[in-house]
Amino acid sequence: MRDFLLRLLLNTLALWIVTQVYGGLFFARGSGLGEYLVAGLIFGLANALLKPVLLLLTLPFNVLTLGLFTLVVNAVIVLVVASLTPLEVRGFGGALVGAILLSVVSFGLNLLIGPSDQRK
């Protein structure tokens, strides 16, 4: 349960950071902490449940592009999250750049907290 809450907070923090530094992703006016947490939860669930299915379905494209099509899958995940939450995206290009930034920020945050076996 503790790891789940930590992942939820990290996803939420990553979304917040990216929306602060990049104009292609933003939350609707008046969005509060609750909306950010819901978006972080949906982002985490989409990454855990939807992304593996999409990667499997797009495996031939991934092989042909040497894995670069994964960026498109990540952008689709951002668009799915945006369709279910107050997160707004400025086109597919905005989703693509936002997905790259989210990946970088999430990676950095995960490096800061360390592996899960070291936190116990």
PDB file of N, CA and C in Angstrom:
ATOM      1  N   MET A   1       0.826  -1.196   0.000  1.00  0.00           N
ATOM      2  CA  MET A   1       0.000   0.000   0.000  1.00  0.00           C
ATOM      3  C   MET A   1       0.868   1.257   0.000  1.00  0.00           C
ATOM      4  N   ARG A   2       1.971   1.171   0.739  1.00  0.00           N
ATOM      5  CA  ARG A   2       2.870   2.316   0.825  1.00  0.00           C
ATOM      6  C   ARG A   2       3.491   2.623  -0.537  1.00  0.00           C
ATOM      7  N   ASP A   3       3.874   1.564  -1.276  1.00  0.00           N
ATOM      8  CA  ASP A   3       4.439   1.765  -2.606  1.00  0.00           C
ATOM      9  C   ASP A   3       3.413   2.355  -3.562  1.00  0.00           C
ATOM     10  N   PHE A   4       2.160   1.917  -3.434  1.00  0.00           N
ATOM     11  CA  PHE A   4       1.100   2.451  -4.285  1.00  0.00           C
ATOM     12  C   PHE A   4       0.934   3.947  -4.053  1.00  0.00           C
ATOM     13  N   LEU A   5       0.892   4.349  -2.788  1.00  0.00           N
ATOM     14  CA  LEU A   5       0.736   5.775  -2.477  1.00  0.00           C
ATOM     15  C   LEU A   5       1.936   6.583  -2.949  1.00  0.00           C
ATOM     16  N   LEU A   6       3.121   6.002  -2.801  1.00  0.00           N
ATOM     17  CA  LEU A   6       4.329   6.685  -3.257  1.00  0.00           C
ATOM     18  C   LEU A   6       4.302   6.863  -4.773  1.00  0.00           C
ATOM     19  N   ARG A   7       3.898   5.828  -5.502  1.00  0.00           N
ATOM     20  CA  ARG A   7       3.797   5.930  -6.963  1.00  0.00           C
ATOM     21  C   ARG A   7       2.745   6.958  -7.374  1.00  0.00           C
ATOM     22  N   LEU A   8       1.632   6.976  -6.652  1.00  0.00           N
ATOM     23  CA  LEU A   8       0.587   7.970  -6.934  1.00  0.00           C
ATOM     24  C   LEU A   8       1.138   9.383  -6.749  1.00  0.00           C
ATOM     25  N   LEU A   9       1.839   9.609  -5.665  1.00  0.00           N
ATOM     26  CA  LEU A   9       2.413  10.935  -5.425  1.00  0.00           C
ATOM     27  C   LEU A   9       3.479  11.292  -6.446  1.00  0.00           C
ATOM     28  N   LEU A  10       4.293  10.311  -6.849  1.00  0.00           N
ATOM     29  CA  LEU A  10       5.320  10.581  -7.863  1.00  0.00           C
ATOM     30  C   LEU A  10       4.697  10.908  -9.212  1.00  0.00           C
ATOM     31  N   ASN A  11       3.662  10.162  -9.610  1.00  0.00           N
ATOM     32  CA  ASN A  11       2.980  10.460 -10.870  1.00  0.00           C
ATOM     33  C   ASN A  11       2.354  11.849 -10.827  1.00  0.00           C
ATOM     34  N   THR A  12       1.728  12.171  -9.703  1.00  0.00           N
ATOM     35  CA  THR A  12       1.105  13.480  -9.546  1.00  0.00           C
ATOM     36  C   THR A  12       2.147  14.588  -9.590  1.00  0.00           C
ATOM     37  N   LEU A  13       3.250  14.389  -8.896  1.00  0.00           N
ATOM     38  CA  LEU A  13       4.319  15.384  -8.891  1.00  0.00           C
ATOM     39  C   LEU A  13       4.921  15.545 -10.278  1.00  0.00           C
ATOM     40  N   ALA A  14       5.124  14.451 -10.997  1.00  0.00           N
ATOM     41  CA  ALA A  14       5.664  14.527 -12.356  1.00  0.00           C
ATOM     42  C   ALA A  14       4.717  15.293 -13.267  1.00  0.00           C
ATOM     43  N   LEU A  15       3.420  15.010 -13.172  1.00  0.00           N
ATOM     44  CA  LEU A  15       2.442  15.749 -13.982  1.00  0.00           C
ATOM     45  C   LEU A  15       2.466  17.235 -13.639  1.00  0.00           C
ATOM     46  N   TRP A  16       2.524  17.541 -12.350  1.00  0.00           N
ATOM     47  CA  TRP A  16       2.540  18.945 -11.930  1.00  0.00           C
ATOM     48  C   TRP A  16       3.786  19.654 -12.461  1.00  0.00           C
ATOM     49  N   ILE A  17       4.947  19.015 -12.345  1.00  0.00           N
ATOM     50  CA  ILE A  17       6.195  19.631 -12.809  1.00  0.00           C
ATOM     51  C   ILE A  17       6.131  19.903 -14.312  1.00  0.00           C
ATOM     52  N   VAL A  18       5.675  18.903 -15.068  1.00  0.00           N
ATOM     53  CA  VAL A  18       5.627  19.073 -16.525  1.00  0.00           C
ATOM     54  C   VAL A  18       4.641  20.167 -16.913  1.00  0.00           C
ATOM     55  N   THR A  19       3.496  20.242 -16.229  1.00  0.00           N
ATOM     56  CA  THR A  19       2.539  21.298 -16.568  1.00  0.00           C
ATOM     57  C   THR A  19       3.055  22.678 -16.200  1.00  0.00           C
ATOM     58  N   GLN A  20       3.993  22.748 -15.271  1.00  0.00           N
ATOM     59  CA  GLN A  20       4.560  24.035 -14.890  1.00  0.00           C
ATOM     60  C   GLN A  20       5.637  24.515 -15.862  1.00  0.00           C
ATOM     61  N   VAL A  21       6.364  23.565 -16.477  1.00  0.00           N
ATOM     62  CA  VAL A  21       7.493  23.963 -17.329  1.00  0.00           C
ATOM     63  C   VAL A  21       7.195  23.873 -18.816  1.00  0.00           C
ATOM     64  N   TYR A  22       6.106  23.221 -19.190  1.00  0.00           N
ATOM     65  CA  TYR A  22       5.796  23.032 -20.604  1.00  0.00           C
ATOM     66  C   TYR A  22       4.362  23.472 -20.883  1.00  0.00           C
ATOM     67  N   GLY A  23       4.190  24.328 -21.846  1.00  0.00           N
ATOM     68  CA  GLY A  23       2.878  24.883 -22.146  1.00  0.00           C
ATOM     69  C   GLY A  23       1.956  23.977 -22.949  1.00  0.00           C
ATOM     70  N   GLY A  24       2.472  22.871 -23.468  1.00  0.00           N
ATOM     71  CA  GLY A  24       1.646  21.967 -24.250  1.00  0.00           C
ATOM     72  C   GLY A  24       0.740  21.094 -23.403  1.00  0.00           C
ATOM     73  N   LEU A  25       1.048  20.959 -22.125  1.00  0.00           N
ATOM     74  CA  LEU A  25       0.210  20.244 -21.162  1.00  0.00           C
ATOM     75  C   LEU A  25      -0.142  21.213 -20.052  1.00  0.00           C
ATOM     76  N   PHE A  26      -1.421  21.265 -19.711  1.00  0.00           N
ATOM     77  CA  PHE A  26      -1.826  22.151 -18.615  1.00  0.00           C
ATOM     78  C   PHE A  26      -3.143  21.655 -18.049  1.00  0.00           C
ATOM     79  N   PHE A  27      -3.406  22.051 -16.833  1.00  0.00           N
ATOM     80  CA  PHE A  27      -4.670  21.712 -16.185  1.00  0.00           C
ATOM     81  C   PHE A  27      -5.642  22.866 -16.358  1.00  0.00           C
ATOM     82  N   ALA A  28      -6.916  22.532 -16.446  1.00  0.00           N
ATOM     83  CA  ALA A  28      -7.954  23.553 -16.593  1.00  0.00           C
ATOM     84  C   ALA A  28      -7.918  24.494 -15.400  1.00  0.00           C
ATOM     85  N   ARG A  29      -8.328  25.719 -15.618  1.00  0.00           N
ATOM     86  CA  ARG A  29      -8.361  26.704 -14.532  1.00  0.00           C
ATOM     87  C   ARG A  29      -9.217  26.190 -13.386  1.00  0.00           C
ATOM     88  N   GLY A  30      -8.780  26.460 -12.191  1.00  0.00           N
ATOM     89  CA  GLY A  30      -9.532  26.056 -11.016  1.00  0.00           C
ATOM     90  C   GLY A  30      -9.257  24.633 -10.576  1.00  0.00           C
ATOM     91  N   SER A  31      -8.362  23.941 -11.273  1.00  0.00           N
ATOM     92  CA  SER A  31      -8.032  22.574 -10.864  1.00  0.00           C
ATOM     93  C   SER A  31      -7.235  22.617  -9.577  1.00  0.00           C
ATOM     94  N   GLY A  32      -7.615  21.772  -8.658  1.00  0.00           N
ATOM     95  CA  GLY A  32      -6.935  21.719  -7.374  1.00  0.00           C
ATOM     96  C   GLY A  32      -6.183  20.420  -7.191  1.00  0.00           C
ATOM     97  N   LEU A  33      -5.766  20.193  -5.971  1.00  0.00           N
ATOM     98  CA  LEU A  33      -4.972  19.015  -5.649  1.00  0.00           C
ATOM     99  C   LEU A  33      -5.728  17.731  -5.974  1.00  0.00           C
ATOM    100  N   GLY A  34      -7.032  17.721  -5.754  1.00  0.00           N
ATOM    101  CA  GLY A  34      -7.825  16.527  -6.038  1.00  0.00           C
ATOM    102  C   GLY A  34      -7.764  16.136  -7.502  1.00  0.00           C
ATOM    103  N   GLU A  35      -7.865  17.112  -8.384  1.00  0.00           N
ATOM    104  CA  GLU A  35      -7.789  16.827  -9.819  1.00  0.00           C
ATOM    105  C   GLU A  35      -6.400  16.342 -10.219  1.00  0.00           C
ATOM    106  N   TYR A  36      -5.375  16.915  -9.598  1.00  0.00           N
ATOM    107  CA  TYR A  36      -4.015  16.456  -9.869  1.00  0.00           C
ATOM    108  C   TYR A  36      -3.833  15.011  -9.405  1.00  0.00           C
ATOM    109  N   LEU A  37      -4.363  14.688  -8.228  1.00  0.00           N
ATOM    110  CA  LEU A  37      -4.237  13.322  -7.723  1.00  0.00           C
ATOM    111  C   LEU A  37      -4.997  12.322  -8.593  1.00  0.00           C
ATOM    112  N   VAL A  38      -6.187  12.698  -9.051  1.00  0.00           N
ATOM    113  CA  VAL A  38      -6.953  11.821  -9.938  1.00  0.00           C
ATOM    114  C   VAL A  38      -6.196  11.616 -11.250  1.00  0.00           C
ATOM    115  N   ALA A  39      -5.634  12.682 -11.792  1.00  0.00           N
ATOM    116  CA  ALA A  39      -4.853  12.563 -13.024  1.00  0.00           C
ATOM    117  C   ALA A  39      -3.627  11.684 -12.804  1.00  0.00           C
ATOM    118  N   GLY A  40      -2.970  11.823 -11.663  1.00  0.00           N
ATOM    119  CA  GLY A  40      -1.821  10.975 -11.353  1.00  0.00           C
ATOM    120  C   GLY A  40      -2.216   9.515 -11.223  1.00  0.00           C
ATOM    121  N   LEU A  41      -3.371   9.266 -10.617  1.00  0.00           N
ATOM    122  CA  LEU A  41      -3.869   7.895 -10.477  1.00  0.00           C
ATOM    123  C   LEU A  41      -4.194   7.301 -11.847  1.00  0.00           C
ATOM    124  N   ILE A  42      -4.903   8.045 -12.670  1.00  0.00           N
ATOM    125  CA  ILE A  42      -5.267   7.546 -13.995  1.00  0.00           C
ATOM    126  C   ILE A  42      -4.024   7.374 -14.864  1.00  0.00           C
ATOM    127  N   PHE A  43      -3.059   8.268 -14.727  1.00  0.00           N
ATOM    128  CA  PHE A  43      -1.804   8.143 -15.471  1.00  0.00           C
ATOM    129  C   PHE A  43      -1.072   6.862 -15.074  1.00  0.00           C
ATOM    130  N   GLY A  44      -1.009   6.595 -13.782  1.00  0.00           N
ATOM    131  CA  GLY A  44      -0.359   5.373 -13.309  1.00  0.00           C
ATOM    132  C   GLY A  44      -1.083   4.119 -13.761  1.00  0.00           C
ATOM    133  N   LEU A  45      -2.417   4.129 -13.680  1.00  0.00           N
ATOM    134  CA  LEU A  45      -3.196   2.978 -14.127  1.00  0.00           C
ATOM    135  C   LEU A  45      -3.061   2.768 -15.634  1.00  0.00           C
ATOM    136  N   ALA A  46      -3.068   3.840 -16.394  1.00  0.00           N
ATOM    137  CA  ALA A  46      -2.916   3.724 -17.848  1.00  0.00           C
ATOM    138  C   ALA A  46      -1.541   3.165 -18.205  1.00  0.00           C
ATOM    139  N   ASN A  47      -0.519   3.606 -17.491  1.00  0.00           N
ATOM    140  CA  ASN A  47       0.823   3.074 -17.738  1.00  0.00           C
ATOM    141  C   ASN A  47       0.925   1.605 -17.359  1.00  0.00           C
ATOM    142  N   ALA A  48       0.244   1.217 -16.299  1.00  0.00           N
ATOM    143  CA  ALA A  48       0.333  -0.168 -15.828  1.00  0.00           C
ATOM    144  C   ALA A  48      -0.550  -1.118 -16.628  1.00  0.00           C
ATOM    145  N   LEU A  49      -1.719  -0.671 -17.071  1.00  0.00           N
ATOM    146  CA  LEU A  49      -2.673  -1.570 -17.710  1.00  0.00           C
ATOM    147  C   LEU A  49      -2.768  -1.397 -19.226  1.00  0.00           C
ATOM    148  N   LEU A  50      -2.826  -0.175 -19.692  1.00  0.00           N
ATOM    149  CA  LEU A  50      -3.047   0.077 -21.108  1.00  0.00           C
ATOM    150  C   LEU A  50      -1.762   0.040 -21.927  1.00  0.00           C
ATOM    151  N   LYS A  51      -0.689   0.574 -21.381  1.00  0.00           N
ATOM    152  CA  LYS A  51       0.557   0.668 -22.131  1.00  0.00           C
ATOM    153  C   LYS A  51       1.099  -0.691 -22.576  1.00  0.00           C
ATOM    154  N   PRO A  52       1.114  -1.721 -21.719  1.00  0.00           N
ATOM    155  CA  PRO A  52       1.612  -3.022 -22.197  1.00  0.00           C
ATOM    156  C   PRO A  52       0.790  -3.587 -23.353  1.00  0.00           C
ATOM    157  N   VAL A  53      -0.521  -3.390 -23.316  1.00  0.00           N
ATOM    158  CA  VAL A  53      -1.381  -3.868 -24.405  1.00  0.00           C
ATOM    159  C   VAL A  53      -1.060  -3.123 -25.699  1.00  0.00           C
ATOM    160  N   LEU A  54      -0.936  -1.809 -25.606  1.00  0.00           N
ATOM    161  CA  LEU A  54      -0.611  -1.012 -26.794  1.00  0.00           C
ATOM    162  C   LEU A  54       0.768  -1.369 -27.352  1.00  0.00           C
ATOM    163  N   LEU A  55       1.723  -1.609 -26.458  1.00  0.00           N
ATOM    164  CA  LEU A  55       3.059  -1.985 -26.932  1.00  0.00           C
ATOM    165  C   LEU A  55       3.038  -3.334 -27.632  1.00  0.00           C
ATOM    166  N   LEU A  56       2.245  -4.253 -27.127  1.00  0.00           N
ATOM    167  CA  LEU A  56       2.132  -5.556 -27.779  1.00  0.00           C
ATOM    168  C   LEU A  56       1.460  -5.433 -29.144  1.00  0.00           C
ATOM    169  N   LEU A  57       0.403  -4.641 -29.225  1.00  0.00           N
ATOM    170  CA  LEU A  57      -0.304  -4.460 -30.494  1.00  0.00           C
ATOM    171  C   LEU A  57       0.540  -3.737 -31.534  1.00  0.00           C
ATOM    172  N   THR A  58       1.430  -2.884 -31.085  1.00  0.00           N
ATOM    173  CA  THR A  58       2.256  -2.106 -32.014  1.00  0.00           C
ATOM    174  C   THR A  58       3.673  -2.662 -32.137  1.00  0.00           C
ATOM    175  N   LEU A  59       3.862  -3.897 -31.720  1.00  0.00           N
ATOM    176  CA  LEU A  59       5.197  -4.498 -31.746  1.00  0.00           C
ATOM    177  C   LEU A  59       5.857  -4.439 -33.133  1.00  0.00           C
ATOM    178  N   PRO A  60       5.149  -4.738 -34.216  1.00  0.00           N
ATOM    179  CA  PRO A  60       5.819  -4.633 -35.523  1.00  0.00           C
ATOM    180  C   PRO A  60       6.338  -3.224 -35.823  1.00  0.00           C
ATOM    181  N   PHE A  61       5.558  -2.197 -35.467  1.00  0.00           N
ATOM    182  CA  PHE A  61       6.021  -0.817 -35.674  1.00  0.00           C
ATOM    183  C   PHE A  61       7.219  -0.502 -34.796  1.00  0.00           C
ATOM    184  N   ASN A  62       7.195  -1.010 -33.573  1.00  0.00           N
ATOM    185  CA  ASN A  62       8.323  -0.796 -32.667  1.00  0.00           C
ATOM    186  C   ASN A  62       9.591  -1.432 -33.200  1.00  0.00           C
ATOM    187  N   VAL A  63       9.469  -2.626 -33.759  1.00  0.00           N
ATOM    188  CA  VAL A  63      10.640  -3.298 -34.319  1.00  0.00           C
ATOM    189  C   VAL A  63      11.167  -2.523 -35.523  1.00  0.00           C
ATOM    190  N   LEU A  64      10.263  -2.105 -36.409  1.00  0.00           N
ATOM    191  CA  LEU A  64      10.684  -1.364 -37.607  1.00  0.00           C
ATOM    192  C   LEU A  64      11.329  -0.028 -37.274  1.00  0.00           C
ATOM    193  N   THR A  65      10.864   0.619 -36.207  1.00  0.00           N
ATOM    194  CA  THR A  65      11.404   1.940 -35.853  1.00  0.00           C
ATOM    195  C   THR A  65      12.457   1.860 -34.751  1.00  0.00           C
ATOM    196  N   LEU A  66      12.887   0.651 -34.456  1.00  0.00           N
ATOM    197  CA  LEU A  66      13.902   0.420 -33.418  1.00  0.00           C
ATOM    198  C   LEU A  66      13.485   0.998 -32.063  1.00  0.00           C
ATOM    199  N   GLY A  67      12.201   0.885 -31.753  1.00  0.00           N
ATOM    200  CA  GLY A  67      11.688   1.299 -30.454  1.00  0.00           C
ATOM    201  C   GLY A  67      11.177   2.717 -30.375  1.00  0.00           C
ATOM    202  N   LEU A  68      11.380   3.502 -31.419  1.00  0.00           N
ATOM    203  CA  LEU A  68      10.941   4.901 -31.371  1.00  0.00           C
ATOM    204  C   LEU A  68       9.427   5.038 -31.369  1.00  0.00           C
ATOM    205  N   PHE A  69       8.710   4.016 -31.852  1.00  0.00           N
ATOM    206  CA  PHE A  69       7.247   4.085 -31.845  1.00  0.00           C
ATOM    207  C   PHE A  69       6.703   4.085 -30.418  1.00  0.00           C
ATOM    208  N   THR A  70       7.523   3.689 -29.463  1.00  0.00           N
ATOM    209  CA  THR A  70       7.120   3.741 -28.052  1.00  0.00           C
ATOM    210  C   THR A  70       6.780   5.171 -27.646  1.00  0.00           C
ATOM    211  N   LEU A  71       7.438   6.142 -28.249  1.00  0.00           N
ATOM    212  CA  LEU A  71       7.127   7.542 -27.965  1.00  0.00           C
ATOM    213  C   LEU A  71       5.697   7.869 -28.376  1.00  0.00           C
ATOM    214  N   VAL A  72       5.254   7.304 -29.483  1.00  0.00           N
ATOM    215  CA  VAL A  72       3.880   7.518 -29.935  1.00  0.00           C
ATOM    216  C   VAL A  72       2.901   6.872 -28.956  1.00  0.00           C
ATOM    217  N   VAL A  73       3.234   5.674 -28.485  1.00  0.00           N
ATOM    218  CA  VAL A  73       2.384   4.998 -27.495  1.00  0.00           C
ATOM    219  C   VAL A  73       2.296   5.837 -26.224  1.00  0.00           C
ATOM    220  N   ASN A  74       3.416   6.394 -25.787  1.00  0.00           N
ATOM    221  CA  ASN A  74       3.407   7.260 -24.598  1.00  0.00           C
ATOM    222  C   ASN A  74       2.531   8.489 -24.820  1.00  0.00           C
ATOM    223  N   ALA A  75       2.574   9.055 -26.024  1.00  0.00           N
ATOM    224  CA  ALA A  75       1.731  10.210 -26.333  1.00  0.00           C
ATOM    225  C   ALA A  75       0.254   9.822 -26.304  1.00  0.00           C
ATOM    226  N   VAL A  76      -0.066   8.637 -26.779  1.00  0.00           N
ATOM    227  CA  VAL A  76      -1.454   8.158 -26.731  1.00  0.00           C
ATOM    228  C   VAL A  76      -1.906   8.009 -25.286  1.00  0.00           C
ATOM    229  N   ILE A  77      -1.035   7.522 -24.423  1.00  0.00           N
ATOM    230  CA  ILE A  77      -1.361   7.400 -22.998  1.00  0.00           C
ATOM    231  C   ILE A  77      -1.673   8.780 -22.416  1.00  0.00           C
ATOM    232  N   VAL A  78      -0.882   9.774 -22.763  1.00  0.00           N
ATOM    233  CA  VAL A  78      -1.135  11.141 -22.278  1.00  0.00           C
ATOM    234  C   VAL A  78      -2.482  11.646 -22.795  1.00  0.00           C
ATOM    235  N   LEU A  79      -2.802  11.358 -24.048  1.00  0.00           N
ATOM    236  CA  LEU A  79      -4.093  11.772 -24.607  1.00  0.00           C
ATOM    237  C   LEU A  79      -5.260  11.069 -23.912  1.00  0.00           C
ATOM    238  N   VAL A  80      -5.083   9.804 -23.561  1.00  0.00           N
ATOM    239  CA  VAL A  80      -6.124   9.071 -22.827  1.00  0.00           C
ATOM    240  C   VAL A  80      -6.341   9.709 -21.465  1.00  0.00           C
ATOM    241  N   VAL A  81      -5.247  10.008 -20.771  1.00  0.00           N
ATOM    242  CA  VAL A  81      -5.360  10.657 -19.457  1.00  0.00           C
ATOM    243  C   VAL A  81      -6.044  12.005 -19.594  1.00  0.00           C
ATOM    244  N   ALA A  82      -5.696  12.747 -20.640  1.00  0.00           N
ATOM    245  CA  ALA A  82      -6.305  14.063 -20.855  1.00  0.00           C
ATOM    246  C   ALA A  82      -7.797  13.956 -21.148  1.00  0.00           C
ATOM    247  N   SER A  83      -8.210  12.873 -21.780  1.00  0.00           N
ATOM    248  CA  SER A  83      -9.632  12.737 -22.082  1.00  0.00           C
ATOM    249  C   SER A  83     -10.458  12.378 -20.847  1.00  0.00           C
ATOM    250  N   LEU A  84      -9.811  11.869 -19.814  1.00  0.00           N
ATOM    251  CA  LEU A  84     -10.519  11.444 -18.606  1.00  0.00           C
ATOM    252  C   LEU A  84     -10.366  12.399 -17.423  1.00  0.00           C
ATOM    253  N   THR A  85      -9.517  13.393 -17.549  1.00  0.00           N
ATOM    254  CA  THR A  85      -9.211  14.300 -16.440  1.00  0.00           C
ATOM    255  C   THR A  85      -9.229  15.744 -16.939  1.00  0.00           C
ATOM    256  N   PRO A  86      -9.065  16.715 -16.035  1.00  0.00           N
ATOM    257  CA  PRO A  86      -8.988  18.121 -16.468  1.00  0.00           C
ATOM    258  C   PRO A  86      -7.662  18.492 -17.144  1.00  0.00           C
ATOM    259  N   LEU A  87      -6.776  17.508 -17.336  1.00  0.00           N
ATOM    260  CA  LEU A  87      -5.528  17.768 -18.052  1.00  0.00           C
ATOM    261  C   LEU A  87      -5.860  18.082 -19.500  1.00  0.00           C
ATOM    262  N   GLU A  88      -5.262  19.130 -20.017  1.00  0.00           N
ATOM    263  CA  GLU A  88      -5.503  19.523 -21.404  1.00  0.00           C
ATOM    264  C   GLU A  88      -4.202  19.474 -22.180  1.00  0.00           C
ATOM    265  N   VAL A  89      -4.315  19.077 -23.445  1.00  0.00           N
ATOM    266  CA  VAL A  89      -3.151  18.889 -24.308  1.00  0.00           C
ATOM    267  C   VAL A  89      -3.349  19.698 -25.576  1.00  0.00           C
ATOM    268  N   ARG A  90      -2.293  20.335 -26.029  1.00  0.00           N
ATOM    269  CA  ARG A  90      -2.353  21.116 -27.277  1.00  0.00           C
ATOM    270  C   ARG A  90      -1.886  20.242 -28.440  1.00  0.00           C
ATOM    271  N   GLY A  91      -2.781  19.398 -28.924  1.00  0.00           N
ATOM    272  CA  GLY A  91      -2.500  18.575 -30.093  1.00  0.00           C
ATOM    273  C   GLY A  91      -1.632  17.370 -29.795  1.00  0.00           C
ATOM    274  N   PHE A  92      -1.443  16.573 -30.853  1.00  0.00           N
ATOM    275  CA  PHE A  92      -0.643  15.368 -30.695  1.00  0.00           C
ATOM    276  C   PHE A  92       0.824  15.702 -30.433  1.00  0.00           C
ATOM    277  N   GLY A  93       1.320  16.762 -31.048  1.00  0.00           N
ATOM    278  CA  GLY A  93       2.704  17.181 -30.804  1.00  0.00           C
ATOM    279  C   GLY A  93       2.928  17.566 -29.351  1.00  0.00           C
ATOM    280  N   GLY A  94       1.946  18.247 -28.782  1.00  0.00           N
ATOM    281  CA  GLY A  94       2.027  18.591 -27.369  1.00  0.00           C
ATOM    282  C   GLY A  94       2.036  17.358 -26.490  1.00  0.00           C
ATOM    283  N   ALA A  95       1.234  16.362 -26.870  1.00  0.00           N
ATOM    284  CA  ALA A  95       1.209  15.102 -26.122  1.00  0.00           C
ATOM    285  C   ALA A  95       2.538  14.369 -26.252  1.00  0.00           C
ATOM    286  N   LEU A  96       3.129  14.412 -27.447  1.00  0.00           N
ATOM    287  CA  LEU A  96       4.400  13.729 -27.677  1.00  0.00           C
ATOM    288  C   LEU A  96       5.525  14.348 -26.846  1.00  0.00           C
ATOM    289  N   VAL A  97       5.639  15.656 -26.902  1.00  0.00           N
ATOM    290  CA  VAL A  97       6.677  16.338 -26.113  1.00  0.00           C
ATOM    291  C   VAL A  97       6.384  16.182 -24.624  1.00  0.00           C
ATOM    292  N   GLY A  98       5.112  16.298 -24.244  1.00  0.00           N
ATOM    293  CA  GLY A  98       4.733  16.113 -22.847  1.00  0.00           C
ATOM    294  C   GLY A  98       5.054  14.720 -22.343  1.00  0.00           C
ATOM    295  N   ALA A  99       4.847  13.707 -23.185  1.00  0.00           N
ATOM    296  CA  ALA A  99       5.156  12.332 -22.793  1.00  0.00           C
ATOM    297  C   ALA A  99       6.653  12.150 -22.586  1.00  0.00           C
ATOM    298  N   ILE A 100       7.446  12.766 -23.450  1.00  0.00           N
ATOM    299  CA  ILE A 100       8.906  12.681 -23.292  1.00  0.00           C
ATOM    300  C   ILE A 100       9.331  13.355 -21.999  1.00  0.00           C
ATOM    301  N   LEU A 101       8.791  14.540 -21.739  1.00  0.00           N
ATOM    302  CA  LEU A 101       9.120  15.244 -20.497  1.00  0.00           C
ATOM    303  C   LEU A 101       8.655  14.476 -19.273  1.00  0.00           C
ATOM    304  N   LEU A 102       7.458  13.887 -19.350  1.00  0.00           N
ATOM    305  CA  LEU A 102       6.959  13.080 -18.232  1.00  0.00           C
ATOM    306  C   LEU A 102       7.872  11.897 -17.957  1.00  0.00           C
ATOM    307  N   SER A 103       8.367  11.271 -19.008  1.00  0.00           N
ATOM    308  CA  SER A 103       9.280  10.145 -18.838  1.00  0.00           C
ATOM    309  C   SER A 103      10.570  10.580 -18.155  1.00  0.00           C
ATOM    310  N   VAL A 104      11.108  11.704 -18.594  1.00  0.00           N
ATOM    311  CA  VAL A 104      12.357  12.199 -18.015  1.00  0.00           C
ATOM    312  C   VAL A 104      12.153  12.597 -16.550  1.00  0.00           C
ATOM    313  N   VAL A 105      11.081  13.320 -16.265  1.00  0.00           N
ATOM    314  CA  VAL A 105      10.811  13.759 -14.895  1.00  0.00           C
ATOM    315  C   VAL A 105      10.530  12.562 -13.993  1.00  0.00           C
ATOM    316  N   SER A 106       9.737  11.603 -14.466  1.00  0.00           N
ATOM    317  CA  SER A 106       9.438  10.413 -13.667  1.00  0.00           C
ATOM    318  C   SER A 106      10.706   9.618 -13.382  1.00  0.00           C
ATOM    319  N   PHE A 107      11.568   9.498 -14.396  1.00  0.00           N
ATOM    320  CA  PHE A 107      12.837   8.802 -14.208  1.00  0.00           C
ATOM    321  C   PHE A 107      13.680   9.497 -13.145  1.00  0.00           C
ATOM    322  N   GLY A 108      13.758  10.821 -13.222  1.00  0.00           N
ATOM    323  CA  GLY A 108      14.525  11.575 -12.227  1.00  0.00           C
ATOM    324  C   GLY A 108      13.965  11.435 -10.821  1.00  0.00           C
ATOM    325  N   LEU A 109      12.647  11.487 -10.691  1.00  0.00           N
ATOM    326  CA  LEU A 109      12.039  11.325  -9.369  1.00  0.00           C
ATOM    327  C   LEU A 109      12.265   9.926  -8.813  1.00  0.00           C
ATOM    328  N   ASN A 110      12.196   8.918  -9.672  1.00  0.00           N
ATOM    329  CA  ASN A 110      12.453   7.556  -9.226  1.00  0.00           C
ATOM    330  C   ASN A 110      13.906   7.374  -8.806  1.00  0.00           C
ATOM    331  N   LEU A 111      14.819   8.063  -9.463  1.00  0.00           N
ATOM    332  CA  LEU A 111      16.221   8.012  -9.039  1.00  0.00           C
ATOM    333  C   LEU A 111      16.402   8.639  -7.660  1.00  0.00           C
ATOM    334  N   LEU A 112      15.654   9.712  -7.402  1.00  0.00           N
ATOM    335  CA  LEU A 112      15.768  10.395  -6.114  1.00  0.00           C
ATOM    336  C   LEU A 112      15.309   9.530  -4.947  1.00  0.00           C
ATOM    337  N   ILE A 113      14.243   8.767  -5.152  1.00  0.00           N
ATOM    338  CA  ILE A 113      13.730   7.960  -4.029  1.00  0.00           C
ATOM    339  C   ILE A 113      14.391   6.604  -3.931  1.00  0.00           C
ATOM    340  N   GLY A 114      15.065   6.163  -4.983  1.00  0.00           N
ATOM    341  CA  GLY A 114      15.777   4.890  -4.952  1.00  0.00           C
ATOM    342  C   GLY A 114      14.853   3.714  -5.201  1.00  0.00           C
ATOM    343  N   PRO A 115      15.457   2.522  -5.337  1.00  0.00           N
ATOM    344  CA  PRO A 115      14.670   1.310  -5.573  1.00  0.00           C
ATOM    345  C   PRO A 115      13.769   0.974  -4.383  1.00  0.00           C
ATOM    346  N   SER A 116      12.667   0.258  -4.674  1.00  0.00           N
ATOM    347  CA  SER A 116      11.693  -0.059  -3.627  1.00  0.00           C
ATOM    348  C   SER A 116      12.283  -0.960  -2.558  1.00  0.00           C
ATOM    349  N   ASP A 117      13.253  -1.811  -2.891  1.00  0.00           N
ATOM    350  CA  ASP A 117      13.811  -2.700  -1.867  1.00  0.00           C
ATOM    351  C   ASP A 117      14.713  -1.951  -0.880  1.00  0.00           C
ATOM    352  N   GLN A 118      15.190  -0.781  -1.241  1.00  0.00           N
ATOM    353  CA  GLN A 118      15.994   0.026  -0.318  1.00  0.00           C
ATOM    354  C   GLN A 118      15.143   0.875   0.613  1.00  0.00           C
ATOM    355  N   ARG A 119      13.853   1.083   0.278  1.00  0.00           N
ATOM    356  CA  ARG A 119      12.995   1.915   1.099  1.00  0.00           C
ATOM    357  C   ARG A 119      12.395   1.154   2.261  1.00  0.00           C
ATOM    358  N   LYS A 120      12.480  -0.150   2.255  1.00  0.00           N
ATOM    359  CA  LYS A 120      11.831  -0.940   3.319  1.00  0.00           C
ATOM    360  C   LYS A 120      12.698  -1.094   4.522  1.00  0.00           C
TER     361      LYS A 120
END
